[in-house]
Amino acid sequence: MSSPTGEPTEEPTYAAGAAPLHTSAPSGGTDPSGGAEAAQVDWEALRLRAVEMMERAYAPYSHFPVGVAGLVDDGRVVAGCNVENAAYGVALCAECGMVSELHATGGGRLTAVYCVGRDGRPLMACGRCRQLLWENGGPSCLVMTPEGVLPMSEVLPQAFGPANLEVGGALP
């Protein structure tokens, strides 16, 4: 098995979303933003969890299943899949499910996120979901993109956040 950068990795073992995905083995990438270091994230384990979620997606209309997995600052892994509806406007992106699980299981901040489509390769979040990732991870949250690992500050530059609402003490 290999990492997204092509380097060999060990077969990850973890209970469905339960184990921390931090590793001391480099998996490629750097963190120019000062948050969770990309080399400390087991990107392959996150990808596998995202693929597992993608396989559970409900996408009878678009036939475009999406899965996502995110590492939380306390080591938890949260995940989600897209859920479509005949009334197209009420479909839920995978990131919506992941953020719901984040808050339903104790909150925290996302530090790394991996989203995949049917082929298991990185998929860039839509604009709405980039905003969700910003709100729940901030500028230093790392995102695996088709271009490699990027901090949210590069995925969503000039983001709108709680500070724009003048919410005292809110995190970006």
N, C-alpha and C. Protein backbone atom coordinates (compact mmCIF):
# COMPACT_ATOMS: atom_id res chain seq x y z
N MET A 1 0.84 -1.16 0.00
CA MET A 1 0.00 0.00 0.00
C MET A 1 0.89 1.23 0.00
N SER A 2 0.42 2.35 -0.60
CA SER A 2 1.23 3.55 -0.61
C SER A 2 0.40 4.74 -0.19
N SER A 3 1.11 5.78 0.25
CA SER A 3 0.45 7.01 0.67
C SER A 3 0.04 7.79 -0.57
N PRO A 4 -0.72 8.91 -0.41
CA PRO A 4 -1.09 9.72 -1.56
C PRO A 4 0.12 10.25 -2.32
N THR A 5 1.30 10.31 -1.67
CA THR A 5 2.51 10.78 -2.34
C THR A 5 3.28 9.64 -2.97
N GLY A 6 2.79 8.39 -2.86
CA GLY A 6 3.43 7.24 -3.46
C GLY A 6 4.40 6.51 -2.57
N GLU A 7 4.61 7.00 -1.35
CA GLU A 7 5.52 6.35 -0.42
C GLU A 7 4.84 5.14 0.19
N PRO A 8 5.58 4.05 0.44
CA PRO A 8 4.96 2.87 1.05
C PRO A 8 4.50 3.18 2.47
N THR A 9 3.37 2.62 2.84
CA THR A 9 2.86 2.77 4.20
C THR A 9 2.41 1.41 4.70
N GLU A 10 2.30 1.28 6.02
CA GLU A 10 1.79 0.05 6.59
C GLU A 10 0.28 0.05 6.49
N GLU A 11 -0.30 -1.14 6.45
CA GLU A 11 -1.76 -1.27 6.44
C GLU A 11 -2.30 -0.71 7.75
N PRO A 12 -3.10 0.38 7.71
CA PRO A 12 -3.62 0.93 8.95
C PRO A 12 -4.62 -0.02 9.60
N THR A 13 -4.58 -0.09 10.91
CA THR A 13 -5.57 -0.86 11.65
C THR A 13 -6.24 0.08 12.63
N TYR A 14 -7.55 0.14 12.59
CA TYR A 14 -8.30 0.99 13.49
C TYR A 14 -9.75 0.55 13.48
N ALA A 15 -10.40 0.76 14.59
CA ALA A 15 -11.84 0.49 14.66
C ALA A 15 -12.53 1.62 13.93
N ALA A 16 -13.64 1.34 13.31
CA ALA A 16 -14.35 2.31 12.49
C ALA A 16 -14.38 3.69 13.12
N GLY A 17 -13.42 4.51 12.76
CA GLY A 17 -13.38 5.89 13.19
C GLY A 17 -12.96 6.12 14.61
N ALA A 18 -12.46 5.11 15.32
CA ALA A 18 -12.20 5.28 16.74
C ALA A 18 -10.76 5.63 17.08
N ALA A 19 -9.80 5.16 16.31
CA ALA A 19 -8.40 5.32 16.70
C ALA A 19 -7.84 6.66 16.24
N PRO A 20 -6.91 7.22 17.02
CA PRO A 20 -6.23 8.42 16.57
C PRO A 20 -5.43 8.11 15.32
N LEU A 21 -5.34 9.07 14.42
CA LEU A 21 -4.63 8.86 13.18
C LEU A 21 -3.35 9.67 13.13
N HIS A 22 -2.74 9.89 14.28
CA HIS A 22 -1.44 10.55 14.31
C HIS A 22 -0.37 9.49 14.15
N THR A 23 0.68 9.82 13.47
CA THR A 23 1.78 8.88 13.28
C THR A 23 3.08 9.64 13.31
N SER A 24 4.15 8.97 13.68
CA SER A 24 5.44 9.62 13.67
C SER A 24 6.13 9.43 12.32
N ALA A 25 5.59 8.56 11.48
CA ALA A 25 6.19 8.34 10.17
C ALA A 25 5.71 9.41 9.20
N PRO A 26 6.63 10.08 8.51
CA PRO A 26 6.22 11.10 7.55
C PRO A 26 5.36 10.50 6.46
N SER A 27 4.31 11.23 6.06
CA SER A 27 3.48 10.77 4.96
C SER A 27 3.49 11.78 3.83
N GLY A 28 4.39 12.73 3.88
CA GLY A 28 4.47 13.74 2.84
C GLY A 28 3.79 15.01 3.26
N GLY A 29 4.19 16.11 2.66
CA GLY A 29 3.55 17.39 2.93
C GLY A 29 4.16 18.09 4.12
N THR A 30 3.88 19.36 4.20
CA THR A 30 4.31 20.18 5.32
C THR A 30 3.15 21.03 5.75
N ASP A 31 3.28 21.64 6.88
CA ASP A 31 2.23 22.51 7.36
C ASP A 31 2.77 23.93 7.47
N PRO A 32 2.59 24.74 6.42
CA PRO A 32 3.08 26.10 6.46
C PRO A 32 2.28 27.00 7.38
N SER A 33 1.16 26.53 7.90
CA SER A 33 0.28 27.38 8.69
C SER A 33 0.46 27.24 10.19
N GLY A 34 1.23 26.28 10.66
CA GLY A 34 1.49 26.13 12.08
C GLY A 34 0.51 25.25 12.83
N GLY A 35 -0.48 24.64 12.17
CA GLY A 35 -1.43 23.75 12.84
C GLY A 35 -0.88 22.34 12.87
N ALA A 36 -1.77 21.34 12.79
CA ALA A 36 -1.33 19.94 12.80
C ALA A 36 -0.36 19.74 11.65
N GLU A 37 0.78 19.16 11.92
CA GLU A 37 1.76 18.94 10.87
C GLU A 37 1.30 17.83 9.94
N ALA A 38 1.41 18.09 8.63
CA ALA A 38 0.98 17.09 7.65
C ALA A 38 1.71 15.78 7.83
N ALA A 39 2.97 15.84 8.25
CA ALA A 39 3.75 14.62 8.45
C ALA A 39 3.26 13.83 9.65
N GLN A 40 2.48 14.43 10.53
CA GLN A 40 1.97 13.75 11.71
C GLN A 40 0.57 13.17 11.49
N VAL A 41 0.03 13.32 10.29
CA VAL A 41 -1.31 12.82 9.98
C VAL A 41 -1.17 11.54 9.15
N ASP A 42 -1.88 10.51 9.52
CA ASP A 42 -1.90 9.28 8.74
C ASP A 42 -2.93 9.46 7.62
N TRP A 43 -2.49 10.06 6.54
CA TRP A 43 -3.38 10.39 5.43
C TRP A 43 -4.00 9.15 4.81
N GLU A 44 -3.28 8.05 4.76
CA GLU A 44 -3.83 6.83 4.17
C GLU A 44 -4.97 6.28 5.03
N ALA A 45 -4.85 6.32 6.33
CA ALA A 45 -5.94 5.86 7.20
C ALA A 45 -7.16 6.76 7.05
N LEU A 46 -6.93 8.07 6.94
CA LEU A 46 -8.06 8.98 6.71
C LEU A 46 -8.72 8.67 5.36
N ARG A 47 -7.90 8.43 4.34
CA ARG A 47 -8.45 8.12 3.02
C ARG A 47 -9.29 6.84 3.07
N LEU A 48 -8.79 5.83 3.75
CA LEU A 48 -9.54 4.57 3.85
C LEU A 48 -10.87 4.76 4.56
N ARG A 49 -10.89 5.57 5.60
CA ARG A 49 -12.15 5.85 6.31
C ARG A 49 -13.10 6.62 5.39
N ALA A 50 -12.56 7.56 4.62
CA ALA A 50 -13.39 8.32 3.68
C ALA A 50 -13.97 7.40 2.60
N VAL A 51 -13.17 6.46 2.11
CA VAL A 51 -13.65 5.49 1.12
C VAL A 51 -14.77 4.64 1.72
N GLU A 52 -14.58 4.21 2.97
CA GLU A 52 -15.62 3.44 3.65
C GLU A 52 -16.93 4.23 3.71
N MET A 53 -16.83 5.50 4.02
CA MET A 53 -18.03 6.34 4.09
C MET A 53 -18.62 6.56 2.70
N MET A 54 -17.78 6.74 1.68
CA MET A 54 -18.26 6.92 0.32
C MET A 54 -19.10 5.72 -0.11
N GLU A 55 -18.70 4.53 0.32
CA GLU A 55 -19.45 3.32 -0.03
C GLU A 55 -20.82 3.28 0.65
N ARG A 56 -21.04 4.12 1.64
CA ARG A 56 -22.33 4.18 2.34
C ARG A 56 -23.20 5.34 1.85
N ALA A 57 -22.69 6.13 0.92
CA ALA A 57 -23.42 7.30 0.43
C ALA A 57 -24.75 6.90 -0.20
N TYR A 58 -25.70 7.81 -0.12
CA TYR A 58 -27.01 7.62 -0.76
C TYR A 58 -27.06 8.63 -1.91
N ALA A 59 -26.74 8.16 -3.11
CA ALA A 59 -26.65 9.05 -4.27
C ALA A 59 -27.39 8.47 -5.47
N PRO A 60 -28.72 8.21 -5.33
CA PRO A 60 -29.46 7.58 -6.42
C PRO A 60 -29.73 8.51 -7.60
N TYR A 61 -29.54 9.81 -7.44
CA TYR A 61 -29.86 10.76 -8.50
C TYR A 61 -28.62 11.17 -9.28
N SER A 62 -27.58 11.57 -8.60
CA SER A 62 -26.34 11.99 -9.28
C SER A 62 -25.42 10.82 -9.57
N HIS A 63 -25.57 9.74 -8.81
CA HIS A 63 -24.65 8.60 -8.90
C HIS A 63 -23.21 9.05 -8.64
N PHE A 64 -23.07 10.05 -7.76
CA PHE A 64 -21.76 10.61 -7.41
C PHE A 64 -21.57 10.50 -5.90
N PRO A 65 -21.20 9.29 -5.42
CA PRO A 65 -21.02 9.11 -3.98
C PRO A 65 -19.76 9.82 -3.49
N VAL A 66 -19.86 10.40 -2.31
CA VAL A 66 -18.75 11.13 -1.71
C VAL A 66 -18.63 10.69 -0.25
N GLY A 67 -17.40 10.52 0.20
CA GLY A 67 -17.12 10.23 1.60
C GLY A 67 -16.03 11.15 2.11
N VAL A 68 -16.05 11.41 3.40
CA VAL A 68 -15.06 12.30 3.99
C VAL A 68 -14.73 11.81 5.39
N ALA A 69 -13.50 12.03 5.79
CA ALA A 69 -13.07 11.72 7.16
C ALA A 69 -12.21 12.87 7.65
N GLY A 70 -12.37 13.19 8.92
CA GLY A 70 -11.60 14.28 9.50
C GLY A 70 -10.99 13.89 10.83
N LEU A 71 -9.80 14.38 11.05
CA LEU A 71 -9.10 14.18 12.32
C LEU A 71 -9.41 15.36 13.22
N VAL A 72 -9.80 15.08 14.45
CA VAL A 72 -10.15 16.12 15.43
C VAL A 72 -8.95 16.37 16.32
N ASP A 73 -8.88 17.55 16.90
CA ASP A 73 -7.72 17.92 17.71
C ASP A 73 -7.51 17.02 18.92
N ASP A 74 -8.50 16.23 19.32
CA ASP A 74 -8.31 15.30 20.44
C ASP A 74 -7.98 13.88 19.97
N GLY A 75 -7.77 13.68 18.67
CA GLY A 75 -7.41 12.38 18.13
C GLY A 75 -8.57 11.57 17.57
N ARG A 76 -9.81 11.99 17.84
CA ARG A 76 -10.96 11.29 17.27
C ARG A 76 -10.97 11.44 15.76
N VAL A 77 -11.66 10.52 15.10
CA VAL A 77 -11.91 10.62 13.67
C VAL A 77 -13.42 10.72 13.50
N VAL A 78 -13.85 11.71 12.73
CA VAL A 78 -15.27 11.86 12.41
C VAL A 78 -15.40 11.71 10.90
N ALA A 79 -16.57 11.29 10.44
CA ALA A 79 -16.71 11.00 9.02
C ALA A 79 -18.15 11.25 8.58
N GLY A 80 -18.34 11.30 7.27
CA GLY A 80 -19.68 11.49 6.73
C GLY A 80 -19.73 11.08 5.27
N CYS A 81 -20.96 10.96 4.76
CA CYS A 81 -21.17 10.66 3.34
C CYS A 81 -22.31 11.54 2.83
N ASN A 82 -22.35 11.72 1.51
CA ASN A 82 -23.43 12.54 0.97
C ASN A 82 -24.74 11.76 0.99
N VAL A 83 -25.83 12.51 1.17
CA VAL A 83 -27.18 11.94 1.22
C VAL A 83 -28.06 12.80 0.33
N GLU A 84 -28.49 12.24 -0.80
CA GLU A 84 -29.31 12.99 -1.75
C GLU A 84 -30.79 12.87 -1.42
N ASN A 85 -31.58 13.68 -2.09
CA ASN A 85 -33.02 13.72 -1.88
C ASN A 85 -33.66 14.05 -3.22
N ALA A 86 -34.87 13.54 -3.45
CA ALA A 86 -35.58 13.85 -4.69
C ALA A 86 -35.77 15.36 -4.85
N ALA A 87 -35.89 16.07 -3.75
CA ALA A 87 -35.90 17.54 -3.78
C ALA A 87 -34.43 17.95 -3.70
N TYR A 88 -33.80 18.12 -4.85
CA TYR A 88 -32.35 18.28 -4.94
C TYR A 88 -31.76 19.29 -3.96
N GLY A 89 -32.45 20.36 -3.69
CA GLY A 89 -31.92 21.41 -2.82
C GLY A 89 -31.70 21.00 -1.38
N VAL A 90 -32.28 19.89 -0.96
CA VAL A 90 -32.09 19.47 0.44
C VAL A 90 -31.09 18.33 0.57
N ALA A 91 -30.32 18.08 -0.48
CA ALA A 91 -29.26 17.07 -0.39
C ALA A 91 -28.21 17.54 0.61
N LEU A 92 -27.56 16.59 1.26
CA LEU A 92 -26.50 16.91 2.23
C LEU A 92 -25.17 16.43 1.69
N CYS A 93 -24.20 17.32 1.70
CA CYS A 93 -22.84 16.95 1.31
C CYS A 93 -22.23 16.09 2.42
N ALA A 94 -21.21 15.33 2.08
CA ALA A 94 -20.53 14.47 3.05
C ALA A 94 -19.98 15.28 4.22
N GLU A 95 -19.45 16.46 3.93
CA GLU A 95 -18.87 17.29 4.99
C GLU A 95 -19.91 17.71 6.02
N CYS A 96 -21.17 17.87 5.59
CA CYS A 96 -22.25 18.20 6.54
C CYS A 96 -22.41 17.08 7.57
N GLY A 97 -22.41 15.84 7.10
CA GLY A 97 -22.51 14.70 8.01
C GLY A 97 -21.33 14.62 8.94
N MET A 98 -20.13 14.90 8.42
CA MET A 98 -18.93 14.84 9.25
C MET A 98 -18.99 15.90 10.35
N VAL A 99 -19.39 17.11 9.99
CA VAL A 99 -19.47 18.19 10.99
C VAL A 99 -20.56 17.88 12.02
N SER A 100 -21.65 17.27 11.59
CA SER A 100 -22.68 16.85 12.55
C SER A 100 -22.12 15.84 13.54
N GLU A 101 -21.35 14.86 13.04
CA GLU A 101 -20.74 13.88 13.94
C GLU A 101 -19.74 14.56 14.87
N LEU A 102 -18.99 15.53 14.36
CA LEU A 102 -18.03 16.26 15.18
C LEU A 102 -18.72 16.83 16.42
N HIS A 103 -19.82 17.52 16.20
CA HIS A 103 -20.51 18.17 17.33
C HIS A 103 -21.31 17.18 18.18
N ALA A 104 -21.85 16.14 17.55
CA ALA A 104 -22.63 15.14 18.29
C ALA A 104 -21.75 14.29 19.21
N THR A 105 -20.46 14.23 18.92
CA THR A 105 -19.56 13.39 19.71
C THR A 105 -18.60 14.19 20.59
N GLY A 106 -18.93 15.44 20.83
CA GLY A 106 -18.13 16.21 21.79
C GLY A 106 -17.49 17.47 21.28
N GLY A 107 -17.65 17.80 20.01
CA GLY A 107 -17.07 19.03 19.49
C GLY A 107 -15.59 18.92 19.26
N GLY A 108 -14.93 20.04 19.30
CA GLY A 108 -13.50 20.10 19.01
C GLY A 108 -13.26 20.79 17.69
N ARG A 109 -12.01 20.77 17.26
CA ARG A 109 -11.60 21.42 16.02
C ARG A 109 -11.05 20.39 15.05
N LEU A 110 -11.44 20.49 13.80
CA LEU A 110 -10.86 19.64 12.77
C LEU A 110 -9.43 20.08 12.52
N THR A 111 -8.52 19.12 12.41
CA THR A 111 -7.12 19.44 12.12
C THR A 111 -6.69 18.92 10.76
N ALA A 112 -7.36 17.90 10.23
CA ALA A 112 -7.03 17.34 8.92
C ALA A 112 -8.29 16.72 8.33
N VAL A 113 -8.47 16.88 7.01
CA VAL A 113 -9.67 16.38 6.33
C VAL A 113 -9.28 15.75 5.00
N TYR A 114 -9.93 14.61 4.69
CA TYR A 114 -9.70 13.92 3.42
C TYR A 114 -11.07 13.57 2.85
N CYS A 115 -11.39 14.08 1.66
CA CYS A 115 -12.66 13.83 0.99
C CYS A 115 -12.38 13.07 -0.30
N VAL A 116 -13.19 12.04 -0.59
CA VAL A 116 -12.99 11.23 -1.79
C VAL A 116 -14.29 11.06 -2.57
N GLY A 117 -14.12 10.83 -3.87
CA GLY A 117 -15.23 10.45 -4.73
C GLY A 117 -15.18 8.96 -4.99
N ARG A 118 -15.94 8.51 -5.96
CA ARG A 118 -16.07 7.08 -6.27
C ARG A 118 -14.74 6.37 -6.50
N ASP A 119 -13.77 7.06 -7.08
CA ASP A 119 -12.49 6.42 -7.40
C ASP A 119 -11.51 6.41 -6.23
N GLY A 120 -11.91 6.98 -5.09
CA GLY A 120 -11.05 6.98 -3.91
C GLY A 120 -9.96 8.03 -3.92
N ARG A 121 -9.95 8.87 -4.95
CA ARG A 121 -8.94 9.93 -5.02
C ARG A 121 -9.46 11.20 -4.35
N PRO A 122 -8.54 12.09 -3.96
CA PRO A 122 -8.96 13.33 -3.29
C PRO A 122 -9.94 14.13 -4.14
N LEU A 123 -10.91 14.69 -3.46
CA LEU A 123 -11.95 15.49 -4.09
C LEU A 123 -12.00 16.82 -3.36
N MET A 124 -12.00 17.93 -4.08
CA MET A 124 -12.06 19.24 -3.45
C MET A 124 -13.49 19.51 -2.97
N ALA A 125 -13.60 20.03 -1.78
CA ALA A 125 -14.90 20.39 -1.21
C ALA A 125 -15.53 21.53 -2.01
N CYS A 126 -16.86 21.53 -2.10
CA CYS A 126 -17.56 22.62 -2.75
C CYS A 126 -17.44 23.88 -1.89
N GLY A 127 -17.89 25.01 -2.39
CA GLY A 127 -17.78 26.27 -1.66
C GLY A 127 -18.47 26.24 -0.31
N ARG A 128 -19.67 25.72 -0.26
CA ARG A 128 -20.41 25.64 1.01
C ARG A 128 -19.64 24.82 2.03
N CYS A 129 -19.08 23.71 1.57
CA CYS A 129 -18.36 22.83 2.50
C CYS A 129 -17.01 23.41 2.90
N ARG A 130 -16.39 24.19 2.03
CA ARG A 130 -15.16 24.88 2.43
C ARG A 130 -15.47 25.82 3.59
N GLN A 131 -16.62 26.46 3.52
CA GLN A 131 -17.03 27.36 4.60
C GLN A 131 -17.25 26.56 5.89
N LEU A 132 -17.87 25.38 5.80
CA LEU A 132 -18.05 24.51 6.97
C LEU A 132 -16.70 24.10 7.56
N LEU A 133 -15.76 23.74 6.70
CA LEU A 133 -14.43 23.34 7.17
C LEU A 133 -13.72 24.51 7.84
N TRP A 134 -13.88 25.72 7.29
CA TRP A 134 -13.27 26.90 7.90
C TRP A 134 -13.85 27.13 9.30
N GLU A 135 -15.16 27.07 9.41
CA GLU A 135 -15.83 27.32 10.69
C GLU A 135 -15.42 26.31 11.75
N ASN A 136 -15.19 25.06 11.34
CA ASN A 136 -14.92 23.99 12.30
C ASN A 136 -13.47 23.55 12.37
N GLY A 137 -12.62 24.15 11.56
CA GLY A 137 -11.20 23.82 11.58
C GLY A 137 -10.30 25.04 11.58
N GLY A 138 -10.77 26.12 10.98
CA GLY A 138 -9.98 27.34 10.93
C GLY A 138 -8.90 27.32 9.87
N PRO A 139 -8.10 28.36 9.84
CA PRO A 139 -7.11 28.53 8.77
C PRO A 139 -6.02 27.47 8.74
N SER A 140 -5.72 26.82 9.87
CA SER A 140 -4.62 25.85 9.89
C SER A 140 -5.08 24.41 9.66
N CYS A 141 -6.38 24.17 9.55
CA CYS A 141 -6.87 22.82 9.25
C CYS A 141 -6.29 22.39 7.90
N LEU A 142 -5.71 21.21 7.86
CA LEU A 142 -5.09 20.71 6.63
C LEU A 142 -6.10 19.90 5.83
N VAL A 143 -6.10 20.11 4.52
CA VAL A 143 -7.04 19.43 3.63
C VAL A 143 -6.25 18.74 2.52
N MET A 144 -6.51 17.45 2.34
CA MET A 144 -5.93 16.74 1.20
C MET A 144 -6.74 17.15 -0.02
N THR A 145 -6.08 17.72 -1.00
CA THR A 145 -6.74 18.17 -2.23
C THR A 145 -6.14 17.42 -3.42
N PRO A 146 -6.73 17.54 -4.60
CA PRO A 146 -6.10 16.94 -5.77
C PRO A 146 -4.68 17.47 -6.03
N GLU A 147 -4.37 18.64 -5.47
CA GLU A 147 -3.05 19.24 -5.63
C GLU A 147 -2.11 18.88 -4.48
N GLY A 148 -2.58 18.14 -3.49
CA GLY A 148 -1.78 17.81 -2.31
C GLY A 148 -2.37 18.44 -1.07
N VAL A 149 -1.63 18.38 0.04
CA VAL A 149 -2.11 18.90 1.32
C VAL A 149 -1.98 20.43 1.33
N LEU A 150 -3.10 21.09 1.67
CA LEU A 150 -3.12 22.54 1.77
C LEU A 150 -3.83 22.95 3.06
N PRO A 151 -3.39 24.05 3.69
CA PRO A 151 -4.13 24.56 4.83
C PRO A 151 -5.40 25.27 4.34
N MET A 152 -6.41 25.33 5.18
CA MET A 152 -7.66 26.00 4.81
C MET A 152 -7.41 27.45 4.39
N SER A 153 -6.38 28.09 4.93
CA SER A 153 -6.09 29.47 4.55
C SER A 153 -5.79 29.58 3.05
N GLU A 154 -5.35 28.48 2.42
CA GLU A 154 -5.13 28.48 0.97
C GLU A 154 -6.33 27.91 0.22
N VAL A 155 -7.08 27.02 0.85
CA VAL A 155 -8.26 26.44 0.22
C VAL A 155 -9.39 27.46 0.15
N LEU A 156 -9.49 28.31 1.16
CA LEU A 156 -10.54 29.34 1.21
C LEU A 156 -9.92 30.67 1.65
N PRO A 157 -9.14 31.30 0.75
CA PRO A 157 -8.52 32.58 1.13
C PRO A 157 -9.59 33.65 1.36
N GLN A 158 -9.28 34.57 2.24
CA GLN A 158 -10.19 35.68 2.58
C GLN A 158 -11.55 35.16 3.03
N ALA A 159 -11.53 34.10 3.83
CA ALA A 159 -12.76 33.46 4.29
C ALA A 159 -13.59 34.37 5.17
N PHE A 160 -14.89 34.18 5.12
CA PHE A 160 -15.83 34.84 6.03
C PHE A 160 -15.95 33.96 7.26
N GLY A 161 -15.83 34.55 8.42
CA GLY A 161 -15.91 33.78 9.65
C GLY A 161 -16.55 34.55 10.77
N PRO A 162 -16.56 33.97 11.96
CA PRO A 162 -17.18 34.61 13.12
C PRO A 162 -16.65 36.02 13.38
N ALA A 163 -15.38 36.25 13.12
CA ALA A 163 -14.82 37.59 13.34
C ALA A 163 -15.53 38.63 12.48
N ASN A 164 -16.00 38.22 11.31
CA ASN A 164 -16.73 39.14 10.45
C ASN A 164 -18.07 39.54 11.05
N LEU A 165 -18.59 38.74 11.94
CA LEU A 165 -19.85 39.04 12.61
C LEU A 165 -19.61 39.77 13.93
N GLU A 166 -18.34 40.04 14.23
CA GLU A 166 -17.94 40.68 15.48
C GLU A 166 -18.43 39.90 16.69
N VAL A 167 -18.27 38.58 16.61
CA VAL A 167 -18.63 37.71 17.72
C VAL A 167 -17.43 37.67 18.65
N GLY A 168 -17.59 38.20 19.84
CA GLY A 168 -16.49 38.24 20.79
C GLY A 168 -16.03 36.86 21.19
N GLY A 169 -14.72 36.62 21.08
CA GLY A 169 -14.12 35.37 21.54
C GLY A 169 -14.31 34.18 20.63
N ALA A 170 -14.95 34.34 19.49
CA ALA A 170 -15.16 33.20 18.58
C ALA A 170 -13.87 32.84 17.87
N LEU A 171 -13.69 31.56 17.60
CA LEU A 171 -12.51 31.10 16.87
C LEU A 171 -12.74 31.27 15.38
N PRO A 172 -11.67 31.56 14.59
CA PRO A 172 -11.85 31.70 13.14
C PRO A 172 -12.17 30.38 12.48
